[in-house]
Amino acid sequence: MGLQKFRDPEEARQALWIDGADPDLPLRIQRLWALSVLLAPLGIPRGLRKFRTIEEANEEREAWVRRRVQAIRHAVADPDNQP
């Protein structure tokens, strides 16, 4: 890819857009998703869960978010030991 010069930020922003009819678009999206999974795997809990109260449901979600943040911080601190 060659070097491009822009006169203003708006011109640069327009250059970032990809035409929806671009035949390479699905492949680019697939590669982006694959990269995002490698960089930050989701590990979303599977299945259905029942809770007695909304507070219990919120607490479980918050605990999952805390675990995910901790895993990402650990991966950033030690890139060789990823989850």
N, C-alpha and C. Protein backbone atom coordinates (compact mmCIF):
# COMPACT_ATOMS: atom_id res chain seq x y z
N MET A 1 0.85 -1.18 0.00
CA MET A 1 0.00 0.00 0.00
C MET A 1 0.89 1.23 0.00
N GLY A 2 0.58 2.15 -0.85
CA GLY A 2 1.37 3.36 -0.98
C GLY A 2 1.05 4.39 0.09
N LEU A 3 1.86 5.40 0.15
CA LEU A 3 1.69 6.50 1.09
C LEU A 3 0.67 7.48 0.53
N GLN A 4 -0.27 7.90 1.39
CA GLN A 4 -1.27 8.88 0.97
C GLN A 4 -1.12 10.14 1.80
N LYS A 5 -1.32 11.27 1.17
CA LYS A 5 -1.30 12.55 1.87
C LYS A 5 -2.71 13.11 1.88
N PHE A 6 -3.07 13.75 3.00
CA PHE A 6 -4.40 14.32 3.15
C PHE A 6 -4.29 15.78 3.53
N ARG A 7 -5.25 16.57 3.04
CA ARG A 7 -5.26 18.00 3.33
C ARG A 7 -5.88 18.31 4.69
N ASP A 8 -6.83 17.46 5.10
CA ASP A 8 -7.49 17.70 6.38
C ASP A 8 -7.96 16.36 6.97
N PRO A 9 -8.34 16.35 8.23
CA PRO A 9 -8.77 15.10 8.88
C PRO A 9 -10.00 14.46 8.21
N GLU A 10 -10.90 15.28 7.68
CA GLU A 10 -12.10 14.74 7.04
C GLU A 10 -11.72 13.94 5.79
N GLU A 11 -10.78 14.43 5.04
CA GLU A 11 -10.33 13.71 3.84
C GLU A 11 -9.69 12.37 4.24
N ALA A 12 -8.94 12.35 5.33
CA ALA A 12 -8.34 11.10 5.82
C ALA A 12 -9.42 10.15 6.30
N ARG A 13 -10.44 10.65 6.98
CA ARG A 13 -11.53 9.82 7.48
C ARG A 13 -12.28 9.16 6.32
N GLN A 14 -12.50 9.91 5.25
CA GLN A 14 -13.19 9.35 4.07
C GLN A 14 -12.36 8.25 3.41
N ALA A 15 -11.05 8.36 3.46
CA ALA A 15 -10.18 7.34 2.84
C ALA A 15 -10.23 6.02 3.60
N LEU A 16 -10.67 6.03 4.84
CA LEU A 16 -10.75 4.80 5.63
C LEU A 16 -11.95 3.94 5.26
N TRP A 17 -12.97 4.53 4.66
CA TRP A 17 -14.19 3.79 4.33
C TRP A 17 -13.92 2.78 3.23
N ILE A 18 -14.55 1.62 3.34
CA ILE A 18 -14.44 0.57 2.34
C ILE A 18 -15.80 0.44 1.67
N ASP A 19 -15.80 0.33 0.37
CA ASP A 19 -17.04 0.18 -0.39
C ASP A 19 -17.71 -1.14 -0.01
N GLY A 20 -19.00 -1.09 0.26
CA GLY A 20 -19.76 -2.28 0.62
C GLY A 20 -19.79 -3.34 -0.47
N ALA A 21 -19.53 -2.95 -1.71
CA ALA A 21 -19.53 -3.89 -2.83
C ALA A 21 -18.15 -4.51 -3.05
N ASP A 22 -17.18 -4.14 -2.25
CA ASP A 22 -15.82 -4.68 -2.38
C ASP A 22 -15.85 -6.19 -2.17
N PRO A 23 -15.40 -7.00 -3.14
CA PRO A 23 -15.44 -8.45 -3.00
C PRO A 23 -14.54 -8.98 -1.88
N ASP A 24 -13.57 -8.20 -1.44
CA ASP A 24 -12.68 -8.63 -0.36
C ASP A 24 -13.25 -8.33 1.03
N LEU A 25 -14.39 -7.64 1.09
CA LEU A 25 -14.94 -7.23 2.37
C LEU A 25 -15.23 -8.40 3.31
N PRO A 26 -15.90 -9.49 2.87
CA PRO A 26 -16.14 -10.61 3.79
C PRO A 26 -14.85 -11.21 4.36
N LEU A 27 -13.83 -11.33 3.52
CA LEU A 27 -12.55 -11.86 3.99
C LEU A 27 -11.90 -10.93 5.01
N ARG A 28 -11.98 -9.63 4.76
CA ARG A 28 -11.42 -8.66 5.71
C ARG A 28 -12.14 -8.72 7.05
N ILE A 29 -13.46 -8.86 7.02
CA ILE A 29 -14.24 -8.97 8.26
C ILE A 29 -13.86 -10.24 9.00
N GLN A 30 -13.75 -11.35 8.26
CA GLN A 30 -13.38 -12.62 8.87
C GLN A 30 -12.01 -12.53 9.55
N ARG A 31 -11.06 -11.91 8.89
CA ARG A 31 -9.72 -11.74 9.48
C ARG A 31 -9.76 -10.84 10.71
N LEU A 32 -10.58 -9.80 10.67
CA LEU A 32 -10.71 -8.92 11.82
C LEU A 32 -11.28 -9.65 13.02
N TRP A 33 -12.32 -10.46 12.79
CA TRP A 33 -12.92 -11.24 13.88
C TRP A 33 -11.92 -12.24 14.44
N ALA A 34 -11.17 -12.90 13.56
CA ALA A 34 -10.18 -13.87 14.02
C ALA A 34 -9.12 -13.18 14.87
N LEU A 35 -8.70 -12.00 14.46
CA LEU A 35 -7.71 -11.25 15.23
C LEU A 35 -8.27 -10.83 16.58
N SER A 36 -9.52 -10.38 16.60
CA SER A 36 -10.11 -9.94 17.87
C SER A 36 -10.25 -11.09 18.85
N VAL A 37 -10.55 -12.30 18.35
CA VAL A 37 -10.65 -13.47 19.23
C VAL A 37 -9.28 -13.80 19.82
N LEU A 38 -8.23 -13.65 19.02
CA LEU A 38 -6.89 -13.91 19.52
C LEU A 38 -6.46 -12.87 20.56
N LEU A 39 -6.82 -11.62 20.32
CA LEU A 39 -6.40 -10.55 21.22
C LEU A 39 -7.19 -10.53 22.52
N ALA A 40 -8.47 -10.81 22.45
CA ALA A 40 -9.31 -10.76 23.65
C ALA A 40 -10.42 -11.81 23.55
N PRO A 41 -10.09 -13.07 23.86
CA PRO A 41 -11.14 -14.09 23.78
C PRO A 41 -12.27 -13.79 24.76
N LEU A 42 -13.48 -14.03 24.31
CA LEU A 42 -14.64 -13.66 25.13
C LEU A 42 -14.86 -14.61 26.29
N GLY A 43 -14.95 -15.89 26.02
CA GLY A 43 -15.22 -16.83 27.10
C GLY A 43 -16.56 -16.57 27.77
N ILE A 44 -17.57 -16.24 26.99
CA ILE A 44 -18.89 -15.94 27.54
C ILE A 44 -19.47 -17.22 28.14
N PRO A 45 -20.00 -17.15 29.35
CA PRO A 45 -20.63 -18.33 29.94
C PRO A 45 -21.79 -18.81 29.06
N ARG A 46 -21.82 -20.13 28.82
CA ARG A 46 -22.86 -20.69 27.96
C ARG A 46 -24.03 -21.19 28.77
N GLY A 47 -25.16 -21.31 28.12
CA GLY A 47 -26.34 -21.89 28.75
C GLY A 47 -27.24 -20.85 29.38
N LEU A 48 -28.35 -21.34 29.93
CA LEU A 48 -29.32 -20.48 30.60
C LEU A 48 -29.13 -20.58 32.11
N ARG A 49 -29.37 -19.48 32.78
CA ARG A 49 -29.27 -19.45 34.23
C ARG A 49 -30.53 -18.78 34.78
N LYS A 50 -30.98 -19.29 35.89
CA LYS A 50 -32.15 -18.68 36.56
C LYS A 50 -31.67 -17.98 37.81
N PHE A 51 -32.26 -16.84 38.06
CA PHE A 51 -31.92 -16.06 39.24
C PHE A 51 -33.21 -15.69 39.96
N ARG A 52 -33.11 -15.60 41.25
CA ARG A 52 -34.29 -15.22 42.04
C ARG A 52 -34.58 -13.74 41.93
N THR A 53 -33.49 -12.94 41.80
CA THR A 53 -33.68 -11.49 41.71
C THR A 53 -32.79 -10.93 40.62
N ILE A 54 -33.11 -9.74 40.19
CA ILE A 54 -32.28 -9.05 39.19
C ILE A 54 -30.91 -8.73 39.78
N GLU A 55 -30.86 -8.52 41.09
CA GLU A 55 -29.59 -8.22 41.74
C GLU A 55 -28.63 -9.41 41.63
N GLU A 56 -29.16 -10.64 41.81
CA GLU A 56 -28.32 -11.83 41.66
C GLU A 56 -27.79 -11.94 40.23
N ALA A 57 -28.65 -11.66 39.26
CA ALA A 57 -28.24 -11.73 37.86
C ALA A 57 -27.16 -10.68 37.57
N ASN A 58 -27.37 -9.47 38.08
CA ASN A 58 -26.39 -8.41 37.87
C ASN A 58 -25.06 -8.75 38.53
N GLU A 59 -25.10 -9.35 39.72
CA GLU A 59 -23.88 -9.71 40.42
C GLU A 59 -23.10 -10.76 39.63
N GLU A 60 -23.79 -11.74 39.06
CA GLU A 60 -23.08 -12.74 38.26
C GLU A 60 -22.44 -12.10 37.03
N ARG A 61 -23.18 -11.20 36.37
CA ARG A 61 -22.62 -10.52 35.21
C ARG A 61 -21.41 -9.69 35.61
N GLU A 62 -21.50 -8.97 36.71
CA GLU A 62 -20.37 -8.16 37.16
C GLU A 62 -19.17 -9.02 37.52
N ALA A 63 -19.42 -10.18 38.11
CA ALA A 63 -18.32 -11.10 38.44
C ALA A 63 -17.65 -11.60 37.17
N TRP A 64 -18.45 -11.89 36.14
CA TRP A 64 -17.90 -12.34 34.87
C TRP A 64 -17.06 -11.23 34.24
N VAL A 65 -17.54 -10.01 34.29
CA VAL A 65 -16.79 -8.88 33.73
C VAL A 65 -15.48 -8.70 34.49
N ARG A 66 -15.51 -8.81 35.83
CA ARG A 66 -14.28 -8.69 36.62
C ARG A 66 -13.27 -9.77 36.23
N ARG A 67 -13.74 -11.01 36.05
CA ARG A 67 -12.84 -12.10 35.65
C ARG A 67 -12.25 -11.84 34.27
N ARG A 68 -13.07 -11.33 33.37
CA ARG A 68 -12.59 -11.04 32.02
C ARG A 68 -11.55 -9.92 32.03
N VAL A 69 -11.79 -8.87 32.78
CA VAL A 69 -10.83 -7.77 32.88
C VAL A 69 -9.53 -8.28 33.48
N GLN A 70 -9.63 -9.09 34.51
CA GLN A 70 -8.43 -9.65 35.14
C GLN A 70 -7.65 -10.52 34.16
N ALA A 71 -8.35 -11.33 33.36
CA ALA A 71 -7.67 -12.18 32.38
C ALA A 71 -6.98 -11.34 31.31
N ILE A 72 -7.62 -10.26 30.87
CA ILE A 72 -7.02 -9.39 29.86
C ILE A 72 -5.80 -8.70 30.44
N ARG A 73 -5.90 -8.20 31.67
CA ARG A 73 -4.75 -7.56 32.31
C ARG A 73 -3.59 -8.54 32.46
N HIS A 74 -3.90 -9.78 32.82
CA HIS A 74 -2.87 -10.79 32.97
C HIS A 74 -2.22 -11.07 31.63
N ALA A 75 -3.03 -11.16 30.56
CA ALA A 75 -2.49 -11.42 29.24
C ALA A 75 -1.61 -10.27 28.76
N VAL A 76 -1.99 -9.05 29.10
CA VAL A 76 -1.19 -7.89 28.69
C VAL A 76 0.13 -7.87 29.47
N ALA A 77 0.07 -8.21 30.74
CA ALA A 77 1.27 -8.20 31.58
C ALA A 77 2.23 -9.32 31.18
N ASP A 78 1.68 -10.46 30.74
CA ASP A 78 2.50 -11.60 30.36
C ASP A 78 2.00 -12.19 29.05
N PRO A 79 2.38 -11.59 27.91
CA PRO A 79 1.84 -12.00 26.61
C PRO A 79 2.13 -13.45 26.25
N ASP A 80 3.16 -14.07 26.82
CA ASP A 80 3.48 -15.45 26.50
C ASP A 80 2.55 -16.44 27.19
N ASN A 81 1.85 -16.00 28.23
CA ASN A 81 0.97 -16.89 28.99
C ASN A 81 -0.47 -16.45 28.83
N GLN A 82 -1.01 -16.57 27.61
CA GLN A 82 -2.37 -16.13 27.34
C GLN A 82 -3.37 -17.19 27.75
N PRO A 83 -4.59 -16.79 28.15
CA PRO A 83 -5.63 -17.76 28.54
C PRO A 83 -6.12 -18.57 27.36
